[in-house]
Protein backbone atom coordinates (compact mmCIF):
# COMPACT_ATOMS: atom_id res chain seq x y z
CA MET A 1 -73.12 13.52 -28.27
CA ARG A 2 -72.75 13.95 -24.52
CA ALA A 3 -71.10 17.35 -25.00
CA ALA A 4 -73.98 18.52 -27.16
CA LEU A 5 -76.51 17.38 -24.55
CA TRP A 6 -74.58 19.18 -21.80
CA LEU A 7 -74.47 22.36 -23.87
CA MET A 8 -78.21 22.22 -24.54
CA SER A 9 -78.91 21.65 -20.85
CA LEU A 10 -76.70 24.61 -19.90
CA PHE A 11 -78.54 26.86 -22.31
CA ALA A 12 -81.89 25.65 -20.94
CA VAL A 13 -80.84 26.41 -17.34
CA ALA A 14 -79.53 29.85 -18.37
CA VAL A 15 -82.78 30.73 -20.16
CA ALA A 16 -84.92 29.51 -17.23
CA SER A 17 -82.80 31.47 -14.76
CA ALA A 18 -83.01 34.65 -16.86
CA LEU A 19 -86.79 34.38 -17.18
CA LEU A 20 -87.17 33.75 -13.46
CA ALA A 21 -84.84 36.56 -12.39
CA ALA A 22 -86.32 39.12 -14.81
CA ASN A 23 -89.89 38.77 -13.49
CA ASN A 24 -88.99 38.18 -9.86
CA VAL A 25 -89.68 41.43 -7.86
CA GLY A 26 -89.72 39.79 -4.46
CA THR A 27 -87.57 40.93 -1.59
CA VAL A 28 -86.29 39.37 1.58
CA SER A 29 -86.33 41.43 4.81
CA ILE A 30 -83.76 40.65 7.47
CA PHE A 31 -84.35 42.12 10.94
CA TRP A 32 -81.26 42.61 13.06
CA THR A 33 -82.39 44.86 15.97
CA PRO A 34 -82.40 47.81 15.67
CA TYR A 35 -81.72 47.38 11.94
CA ARG A 36 -83.72 46.12 9.01
CA PHE A 37 -82.19 44.93 5.74
CA ASP A 38 -84.20 44.55 2.52
CA VAL A 39 -82.45 42.30 -0.02
CA SER A 40 -83.56 41.18 -3.47
CA LEU A 41 -84.76 37.58 -3.64
CA ASN A 42 -82.50 36.96 -6.63
CA LEU A 43 -79.47 38.04 -4.62
CA VAL A 44 -80.46 35.75 -1.76
CA LEU A 45 -80.84 32.78 -4.11
CA LEU A 46 -77.48 33.53 -5.71
CA ALA A 47 -75.85 33.82 -2.28
CA LEU A 48 -77.35 30.48 -1.21
CA VAL A 49 -76.03 28.79 -4.38
CA VAL A 50 -72.57 30.27 -3.79
CA ILE A 51 -72.60 29.18 -0.13
CA LEU A 52 -73.68 25.62 -1.05
CA LEU A 53 -71.02 25.32 -3.74
CA THR A 54 -68.38 26.66 -1.37
CA MET A 55 -69.33 24.17 1.35
CA HIS A 56 -69.37 21.31 -1.20
CA TRP A 57 -65.91 22.07 -2.54
CA ALA A 58 -64.58 22.66 0.96
CA GLN A 59 -65.89 19.24 2.04
CA ARG A 60 -64.30 17.59 -0.97
CA GLY A 61 -61.01 19.33 -0.25
CA PHE A 62 -60.97 18.19 3.39
CA THR A 63 -61.92 14.63 2.30
CA ALA A 64 -59.08 14.55 -0.22
CA LEU A 65 -56.69 15.88 2.39
CA PHE A 66 -57.59 13.18 4.89
CA GLU A 67 -57.47 10.49 2.14
CA LEU A 68 -53.86 11.27 1.22
CA PRO A 69 -52.30 8.69 3.60
CA LYS A 70 -54.65 5.97 2.35
CA GLN A 71 -53.97 6.90 -1.25
CA ALA A 72 -50.24 6.80 -0.60
CA LYS A 73 -50.55 3.33 0.91
CA ARG A 74 -52.76 2.18 -1.96
CA TRP A 75 -50.22 3.54 -4.44
CA ARG A 76 -47.38 1.67 -2.75
CA LEU A 77 -49.34 -1.60 -2.80
CA GLN A 78 -50.29 -1.01 -6.42
CA GLN A 79 -46.63 -0.55 -7.28
CA LYS A 80 -45.80 -3.83 -5.56
CA GLU A 81 -48.58 -5.61 -7.44
CA ARG A 82 -47.36 -4.17 -10.74
CA ALA A 83 -43.82 -5.22 -9.87
CA ALA A 84 -45.04 -8.78 -9.23
CA HIS A 85 -46.81 -8.92 -12.59
CA ALA A 86 -43.78 -7.39 -14.33
CA ALA A 87 -41.55 -10.05 -12.75
CA LEU A 88 -43.92 -12.77 -13.99
CA LEU A 89 -43.85 -11.40 -17.54
CA ASP A 90 -40.07 -11.10 -17.36
CA GLY A 91 -39.81 -14.71 -16.19
CA MET A 92 -41.94 -15.93 -19.10
CA ALA A 93 -39.83 -13.99 -21.56
CA GLN A 94 -36.62 -15.38 -20.05
CA PHE A 95 -38.03 -18.91 -20.21
CA MET A 96 -38.93 -18.55 -23.89
CA GLU A 97 -35.39 -17.29 -24.56
CA GLY A 98 -33.96 -20.39 -22.90
CA ARG A 99 -32.55 -18.51 -19.90
CA PHE A 100 -33.96 -20.95 -17.41
CA LEU A 101 -31.96 -19.84 -14.37
CA ARG A 102 -33.10 -16.24 -14.78
CA ALA A 103 -36.65 -17.42 -15.41
CA ARG A 104 -36.67 -19.36 -12.15
CA LYS A 105 -35.32 -16.36 -10.24
CA SER A 106 -38.01 -14.14 -11.73
CA ALA A 107 -40.71 -16.65 -10.77
CA GLU A 108 -39.40 -16.82 -7.22
CA LEU A 109 -39.35 -13.01 -7.13
CA VAL A 110 -43.06 -13.05 -7.98
CA LEU A 111 -43.69 -15.25 -4.96
CA VAL A 112 -41.65 -12.94 -2.70
CA ARG A 113 -43.51 -9.83 -3.84
CA GLU A 114 -46.89 -11.51 -3.51
CA LYS A 115 -45.99 -12.48 0.05
CA SER A 116 -44.96 -8.90 0.84
CA LEU A 117 -48.38 -7.78 -0.36
CA LEU A 118 -50.03 -10.32 1.89
CA ASP A 119 -47.91 -9.21 4.87
CA ALA A 120 -48.96 -5.61 4.20
CA GLY A 121 -52.59 -6.63 4.52
CA GLU A 122 -53.39 -6.48 0.80
CA VAL A 123 -55.07 -9.69 -0.37
CA LEU A 124 -55.28 -9.90 -4.17
CA SER A 125 -58.40 -11.49 -5.58
CA HIS A 126 -56.22 -13.58 -7.91
CA ALA A 127 -53.40 -14.26 -5.44
CA GLY A 128 -53.81 -18.05 -5.62
CA SER A 129 -53.72 -18.08 -9.42
CA LEU A 130 -50.71 -15.76 -9.45
CA ARG A 131 -48.80 -18.04 -7.09
CA SER A 132 -49.77 -21.12 -9.13
CA VAL A 133 -48.53 -19.62 -12.39
CA ALA A 134 -45.29 -18.56 -10.71
CA HIS A 135 -44.78 -22.05 -9.22
CA ILE A 136 -45.43 -23.71 -12.59
CA LEU A 137 -42.97 -21.38 -14.31
CA ALA A 138 -40.36 -22.07 -11.63
CA ALA A 139 -40.97 -25.83 -11.92
CA GLU A 140 -40.62 -25.70 -15.72
CA SER A 141 -37.34 -23.84 -15.37
CA ALA A 142 -36.11 -26.30 -12.73
CA HIS A 143 -37.03 -29.19 -15.03
CA ALA A 144 -35.04 -27.61 -17.85
CA LEU A 145 -32.11 -27.25 -15.42
CA GLN A 146 -32.57 -30.92 -14.35
CA ASP A 147 -33.22 -29.88 -10.75
CA SER A 148 -35.82 -32.49 -9.86
CA ALA A 149 -35.94 -31.53 -6.17
CA ALA A 150 -36.87 -27.90 -6.88
CA ARG A 151 -39.30 -29.01 -9.56
CA GLN A 152 -41.09 -31.34 -7.17
CA SER A 153 -41.22 -28.67 -4.48
CA HIS A 154 -42.89 -26.13 -6.77
CA LEU A 155 -45.27 -28.78 -8.12
CA GLU A 156 -46.42 -29.72 -4.63
CA ALA A 157 -46.96 -26.02 -3.86
CA VAL A 158 -49.27 -25.74 -6.88
CA LEU A 159 -51.29 -28.82 -5.90
CA GLN A 160 -51.64 -27.62 -2.30
CA GLU A 161 -53.11 -24.24 -3.25
CA PRO A 162 -56.64 -23.95 -1.76
CA MET A 163 -59.62 -23.84 -4.10
CA ALA A 164 -61.03 -20.44 -3.14
CA GLU A 165 -62.04 -17.60 -5.43
CA HIS A 166 -61.72 -18.02 -9.18
CA SER A 167 -62.20 -21.77 -8.69
CA GLY A 168 -62.53 -22.33 -12.45
CA LEU A 169 -59.14 -20.75 -13.13
CA ARG A 170 -57.54 -22.56 -10.18
CA LYS A 171 -58.94 -25.87 -11.41
CA SER A 172 -57.53 -25.26 -14.88
CA LEU A 173 -54.11 -24.42 -13.43
CA MET A 174 -54.12 -27.57 -11.29
CA GLU A 175 -55.07 -29.76 -14.25
CA GLY A 176 -52.38 -28.06 -16.33
CA ALA A 177 -49.81 -28.70 -13.59
CA MET A 178 -50.73 -32.39 -13.55
CA MET A 179 -50.30 -32.64 -17.32
CA ARG A 180 -46.95 -30.87 -16.97
CA ALA A 181 -45.94 -33.39 -14.34
CA ALA A 182 -46.86 -36.22 -16.72
CA ARG A 183 -44.69 -34.67 -19.43
CA TRP A 184 -41.80 -34.17 -17.02
CA ALA A 185 -41.97 -37.84 -15.99
CA LEU A 186 -42.02 -38.77 -19.67
CA ASP A 187 -38.92 -36.66 -20.28
CA ASP A 188 -37.28 -38.52 -17.39
CA ARG A 189 -38.18 -41.83 -19.13
CA ASP A 190 -40.39 -42.73 -16.16
CA ALA A 191 -43.43 -44.07 -18.02
CA PRO A 192 -45.29 -45.54 -14.97
CA GLU A 193 -45.08 -42.18 -13.17
CA SER A 194 -46.33 -40.38 -16.27
CA LEU A 195 -49.29 -42.76 -16.61
CA LEU A 196 -50.05 -42.31 -12.91
CA TRP A 197 -50.33 -38.54 -13.35
CA LEU A 198 -52.51 -38.97 -16.42
CA ASP A 199 -54.82 -41.35 -14.55
CA ARG A 200 -55.35 -38.68 -11.89
CA LEU A 201 -56.80 -36.28 -14.45
CA PRO A 202 -60.60 -35.89 -14.68
CA GLN A 203 -62.23 -37.86 -17.47
CA GLY A 204 -62.95 -34.82 -19.61
CA VAL A 205 -59.37 -33.57 -19.34
CA SER A 206 -57.86 -36.99 -20.02
CA ARG A 207 -59.65 -37.11 -23.40
CA ARG A 208 -58.08 -33.90 -24.63
CA THR A 209 -55.66 -34.24 -27.51
CA LEU A 210 -52.61 -33.16 -25.49
CA ALA A 211 -53.35 -35.62 -22.68
CA MET A 212 -53.93 -38.47 -25.14
CA ARG A 213 -50.68 -37.69 -26.96
CA LEU A 214 -48.84 -37.91 -23.64
CA ARG A 215 -50.64 -41.17 -22.80
CA LEU A 216 -49.69 -42.62 -26.18
CA LYS A 217 -46.00 -41.81 -25.67
CA ALA A 218 -46.05 -43.09 -22.09
CA ALA A 219 -47.81 -46.32 -23.03
CA ARG A 220 -45.34 -47.02 -25.82
CA LEU A 221 -42.42 -46.24 -23.50
CA ALA A 222 -43.87 -48.53 -20.83
CA GLY A 223 -44.26 -51.38 -23.31
CA GLU A 224 -48.08 -51.32 -23.18
CA PRO A 225 -49.06 -51.67 -26.85
CA SER A 226 -52.69 -52.44 -26.00
CA GLN A 227 -53.21 -49.16 -24.16
CA ALA A 228 -51.18 -47.34 -26.80
CA LEU A 229 -53.39 -48.77 -29.54
CA ASP A 230 -56.60 -47.66 -27.81
CA THR A 231 -55.17 -44.16 -27.39
CA ALA A 232 -53.94 -44.03 -30.97
CA LEU A 233 -57.37 -45.01 -32.30
CA LEU A 234 -58.97 -42.22 -30.24
CA LEU A 235 -56.43 -39.73 -31.56
CA ILE A 236 -57.16 -40.85 -35.11
CA LYS A 237 -60.88 -40.18 -34.50
CA HIS A 238 -59.90 -36.67 -33.35
CA ARG A 239 -57.81 -36.31 -36.56
CA ALA A 240 -54.68 -35.65 -34.54
CA PHE A 241 -52.45 -37.32 -37.17
CA THR A 242 -52.18 -37.31 -40.91
CA ALA A 243 -53.50 -40.39 -42.71
CA GLU A 244 -49.98 -41.68 -43.44
CA ALA A 245 -48.74 -41.17 -39.88
CA ALA A 246 -51.87 -42.78 -38.42
CA GLU A 247 -51.57 -45.83 -40.66
CA SER A 248 -47.88 -46.28 -39.86
CA MET A 249 -48.45 -45.90 -36.11
CA VAL A 250 -51.39 -48.30 -35.93
CA ARG A 251 -49.54 -50.84 -38.08
CA SER A 252 -46.50 -50.82 -35.79
CA LEU A 253 -48.65 -51.06 -32.66
CA VAL A 254 -50.77 -53.89 -34.03
CA PHE A 255 -47.66 -55.78 -35.16
CA GLU A 256 -46.28 -55.41 -31.64
CA LEU A 257 -49.55 -56.61 -30.13
CA ILE A 258 -49.75 -59.54 -32.51
CA ALA A 259 -46.26 -60.62 -31.53
CA LYS A 260 -47.28 -60.57 -27.85
CA THR A 261 -50.57 -62.43 -28.39
CA HIS A 262 -50.45 -66.13 -27.51
CA GLU A 263 -54.14 -67.05 -27.27
CA LEU A 264 -56.87 -67.27 -29.88
CA GLY A 265 -59.29 -65.32 -27.69
CA GLN A 266 -56.84 -62.45 -27.36
CA MET A 267 -56.32 -62.45 -31.10
CA GLN A 268 -60.06 -62.25 -31.76
CA ARG A 269 -60.46 -59.37 -29.30
CA LEU A 270 -57.57 -57.55 -30.93
CA TRP A 271 -59.15 -57.91 -34.37
CA ALA A 272 -62.51 -56.70 -33.00
CA ARG A 273 -60.86 -53.54 -31.62
CA LEU A 274 -59.58 -52.51 -35.01
CA GLY A 275 -61.57 -50.13 -37.18
CA GLU A 276 -62.68 -50.92 -40.69
CA ALA A 277 -59.80 -48.92 -42.16
CA GLN A 278 -57.27 -50.96 -40.19
CA ARG A 279 -58.93 -54.26 -41.16
CA GLN A 280 -58.65 -53.24 -44.82
CA SER A 281 -54.89 -52.70 -44.45
CA PRO A 282 -53.08 -55.49 -46.33
CA ASP A 283 -50.11 -55.65 -43.96
CA LEU A 284 -52.27 -55.88 -40.84
CA ALA A 285 -54.74 -58.40 -42.24
CA ILE A 286 -52.04 -60.70 -43.62
CA GLN A 287 -49.94 -60.54 -40.45
CA ALA A 288 -53.01 -61.21 -38.29
CA ALA A 289 -54.04 -64.17 -40.45
CA LEU A 290 -50.55 -65.69 -40.36
CA HIS A 291 -50.33 -65.34 -36.59
CA TRP A 292 -53.83 -66.82 -36.25
CA LEU A 293 -52.72 -69.83 -38.24
CA ASN A 294 -49.55 -70.11 -36.12
CA LEU A 295 -51.79 -70.32 -33.06
CA LYS A 296 -53.68 -73.23 -34.72
CA GLY A 297 -56.78 -71.14 -35.22
CA ASP A 298 -59.67 -71.97 -37.52
CA PRO A 299 -58.50 -71.47 -41.15
CA VAL A 300 -61.98 -70.23 -42.07
CA VAL A 301 -61.47 -67.21 -39.79
CA ALA A 302 -58.10 -66.46 -41.37
CA ARG A 303 -59.60 -66.61 -44.87
CA ALA A 304 -62.42 -64.30 -43.76
CA TRP A 305 -59.81 -61.73 -42.68
CA LEU A 306 -57.94 -62.15 -45.96
CA LYS A 307 -60.93 -62.08 -48.30
CA PRO A 308 -61.21 -58.23 -48.50
CA ILE A 309 -57.50 -58.04 -49.30
CA TRP A 310 -57.86 -60.70 -51.99
CA THR A 311 -60.82 -58.86 -53.51
CA LYS A 312 -58.88 -55.62 -53.49
CA SER A 313 -55.87 -57.24 -55.18
CA GLN A 314 -58.02 -58.68 -57.96
CA SER A 315 -60.02 -55.51 -58.59
CA ASN A 316 -56.86 -53.43 -58.96
CA THR A 317 -53.50 -55.08 -59.43
CA GLN A 318 -51.73 -51.89 -58.31
CA GLN A 319 -53.33 -51.93 -54.85
CA LEU A 320 -50.79 -54.37 -53.40
CA SER A 321 -47.03 -54.39 -53.77
CA LYS A 322 -45.10 -57.52 -54.76
CA PRO A 323 -44.08 -58.36 -51.17
CA GLN A 324 -47.69 -57.96 -50.03
CA LEU A 325 -48.95 -60.21 -52.82
CA LEU A 326 -46.33 -62.78 -51.92
CA LYS A 327 -47.36 -62.80 -48.24
CA LEU A 328 -51.05 -62.94 -49.22
CA VAL A 329 -50.45 -66.02 -51.35
CA GLN A 330 -48.44 -67.68 -48.56
CA ALA A 331 -51.17 -66.96 -46.01
CA LEU A 332 -53.93 -68.29 -48.27
CA ASP A 333 -51.89 -71.37 -49.08
CA ARG A 334 -51.47 -72.13 -45.38
CA SER A 335 -55.17 -71.63 -44.71
CA PHE A 336 -56.40 -74.19 -47.26
CA THR A 337 -56.89 -77.67 -45.79
CA GLY A 338 -58.42 -79.50 -48.76
CA GLN A 339 -61.72 -80.22 -46.96
CA ASP A 340 -64.75 -80.61 -49.18
CA SER A 341 -66.58 -77.58 -47.82
CA ALA A 342 -68.70 -75.05 -49.67
CA GLU A 343 -66.39 -72.24 -48.57
CA GLU A 344 -63.25 -73.90 -49.95
CA ARG A 345 -65.05 -74.82 -53.18
CA GLU A 346 -66.00 -71.17 -53.57
CA TRP A 347 -62.37 -70.18 -53.05
CA LEU A 348 -61.27 -72.73 -55.67
CA VAL A 349 -63.65 -71.25 -58.22
CA THR A 350 -62.53 -67.71 -57.40
CA ILE A 351 -58.81 -68.52 -57.61
CA GLU A 352 -59.19 -70.50 -60.84
CA ALA A 353 -61.12 -67.60 -62.39
CA ALA A 354 -58.37 -65.17 -61.37
CA GLN A 355 -55.69 -67.50 -62.76
CA LYS A 356 -57.47 -67.90 -66.07
CA ALA A 357 -57.91 -64.14 -66.33
CA ASN A 358 -54.16 -63.72 -65.78
CA PRO A 359 -52.59 -67.00 -66.97
CA ARG A 360 -48.99 -65.76 -66.80
CA ASN A 361 -49.12 -64.76 -63.13
CA ALA A 362 -46.83 -67.22 -61.39
CA LEU A 363 -48.26 -66.49 -57.94
CA LEU A 364 -51.79 -67.29 -59.07
CA GLN A 365 -50.51 -70.45 -60.77
CA PHE A 366 -48.81 -71.52 -57.57
CA LEU A 367 -51.86 -70.78 -55.38
CA SER A 368 -54.26 -72.49 -57.75
CA GLY A 369 -51.93 -75.50 -58.08
CA ARG A 370 -51.53 -75.85 -54.33
CA LEU A 371 -55.28 -75.71 -53.77
CA CYS A 372 -55.85 -78.30 -56.52
CA GLN A 373 -53.21 -80.52 -54.94
CA LYS A 374 -54.89 -80.32 -51.52
CA ARG A 375 -58.27 -81.10 -53.10
CA GLN A 376 -56.68 -84.08 -54.93
CA LEU A 377 -57.07 -82.62 -58.42
CA TRP A 378 -53.74 -84.13 -59.44
CA GLY A 379 -53.73 -83.29 -63.15
CA LYS A 380 -54.43 -79.58 -62.74
CA ALA A 381 -52.05 -79.39 -59.81
CA GLN A 382 -49.21 -80.99 -61.83
CA VAL A 383 -49.57 -78.53 -64.72
CA LEU A 384 -49.97 -75.40 -62.61
CA LEU A 385 -47.17 -76.17 -60.15
CA SER A 386 -44.76 -77.09 -62.96
CA GLN A 387 -45.46 -73.77 -64.70
CA ALA A 388 -45.22 -71.79 -61.47
CA ALA A 389 -41.91 -73.41 -60.44
CA LEU A 390 -40.29 -72.15 -63.64
CA ALA A 391 -41.56 -68.56 -63.28
CA LEU A 392 -41.62 -67.82 -59.56
CA GLU A 393 -39.13 -65.22 -58.36
CA ASP A 394 -39.29 -66.03 -54.65
CA THR A 395 -36.92 -68.81 -53.69
CA GLY A 396 -39.09 -70.18 -50.90
CA LEU A 397 -42.21 -70.47 -53.06
CA ARG A 398 -40.22 -71.92 -55.94
CA ARG A 399 -38.76 -74.57 -53.66
CA GLN A 400 -42.24 -75.34 -52.33
CA ALA A 401 -43.59 -75.63 -55.87
CA TRP A 402 -40.86 -78.14 -56.82
CA ARG A 403 -41.61 -80.18 -53.71
CA GLY A 404 -45.28 -80.23 -54.71
CA VAL A 405 -44.30 -81.46 -58.17
CA ALA A 406 -42.18 -84.17 -56.53
CA GLU A 407 -45.06 -85.28 -54.32
CA LEU A 408 -47.37 -85.54 -57.33
CA ALA A 409 -44.74 -87.55 -59.22
CA GLU A 410 -44.40 -89.97 -56.28
CA GLN A 411 -48.16 -90.51 -56.29
CA ARG A 412 -47.90 -91.42 -59.98
CA GLU A 413 -44.94 -93.67 -59.02
CA ASP A 414 -42.75 -91.69 -61.41
CA LEU A 415 -39.57 -91.85 -59.33
CA PRO A 416 -37.21 -90.22 -61.93
CA ALA A 417 -39.51 -87.19 -62.21
CA ALA A 418 -39.80 -86.99 -58.44
CA MET A 419 -36.01 -87.15 -58.01
CA GLN A 420 -35.51 -84.48 -60.65
CA ALA A 421 -38.06 -82.17 -58.95
CA LEU A 422 -36.44 -82.72 -55.54
CA LYS A 423 -33.05 -81.99 -57.06
CA LYS A 424 -34.31 -78.67 -58.43
CA ALA A 425 -35.85 -77.86 -55.05
CA ALA A 426 -32.52 -78.56 -53.37
CA MET A 427 -30.66 -76.41 -55.90
CA ASP A 428 -32.93 -73.42 -55.02
């Protein structure tokens, strides 16, 4: 398109010049005593154009001639700058190949060439960023070579770079260096140092997925399950883990926290921190309820935690495994006190309905019998516990069922039956 426009313009100028020259009959008289010269106006105009063009090209030629030393200097500096960038690319390639010693040498060569540019009076607009990248690459290579002194030296050089031009890029490089330092400390199994570096990050950077992953690893290494749990829950919100991995991680962290909790207030705060998905987890809810009861907590609270799990187990028998059902029954059994409260009466009705709907379920027989025993419903308790003791697979529950039968026999003053039940409990 541009060529066509130039061609059309050239034709227009040629046509205008031809029209002007064809009708131009003027002359120019030049007096040079004692001579007189009469020259065509067209020739004068042509001569002026030629003279102007000659002077223009002569000026450009002299300018180019005098610019040669500056161009030569600029070319040499450009070659040094290209060599510095080539060394940086070579160092990155060597690092990715696992040649860490060569990578560190290439990074140090970048710093040498950048300094030579500075000494020559050439200040690159991105000099600070170039030095920072080279220092980070050298520090990474030193870390891979287990040279902590060199790594620390390069890291300090990155952090001491002034925030001048390209402040956004420099800020990103500094934040990246701090996250690298946290990872290096984590590799050295120095969890407090890693957490210290992560705490120095700005709030927005510390909530990035990479930073939170590092914090999670550091917190677990430092034995801080509470901080690790908070970080894991944030990562789950960001969908940083698969559903299976997230469930397994949270379960292990909560189990660890439960084991370290020795106060009822701490236990309540821990339960409040969990999301709805974690509260619906059978393993977590049962373990939390058992630990709550071990701390002499209110049984009503434990049953409130267990109620969703109980509802889930009754709506679909495949929801819970046999070990989970066993632990659920044990937790519920421990939570019942036999008090004549509306909440326990409601549980009695619910458990009896479940047992009648599935009369051959030994666990339901045991749970219903134990609750009847605690509420002093001796006849029902005797029948249910006797049936459960014959069908239970778990030794501990079977022994407990026989002891319950023995206690009921003693209340009826049936000593032979009580001795026989105790004998069977001892044999288990």
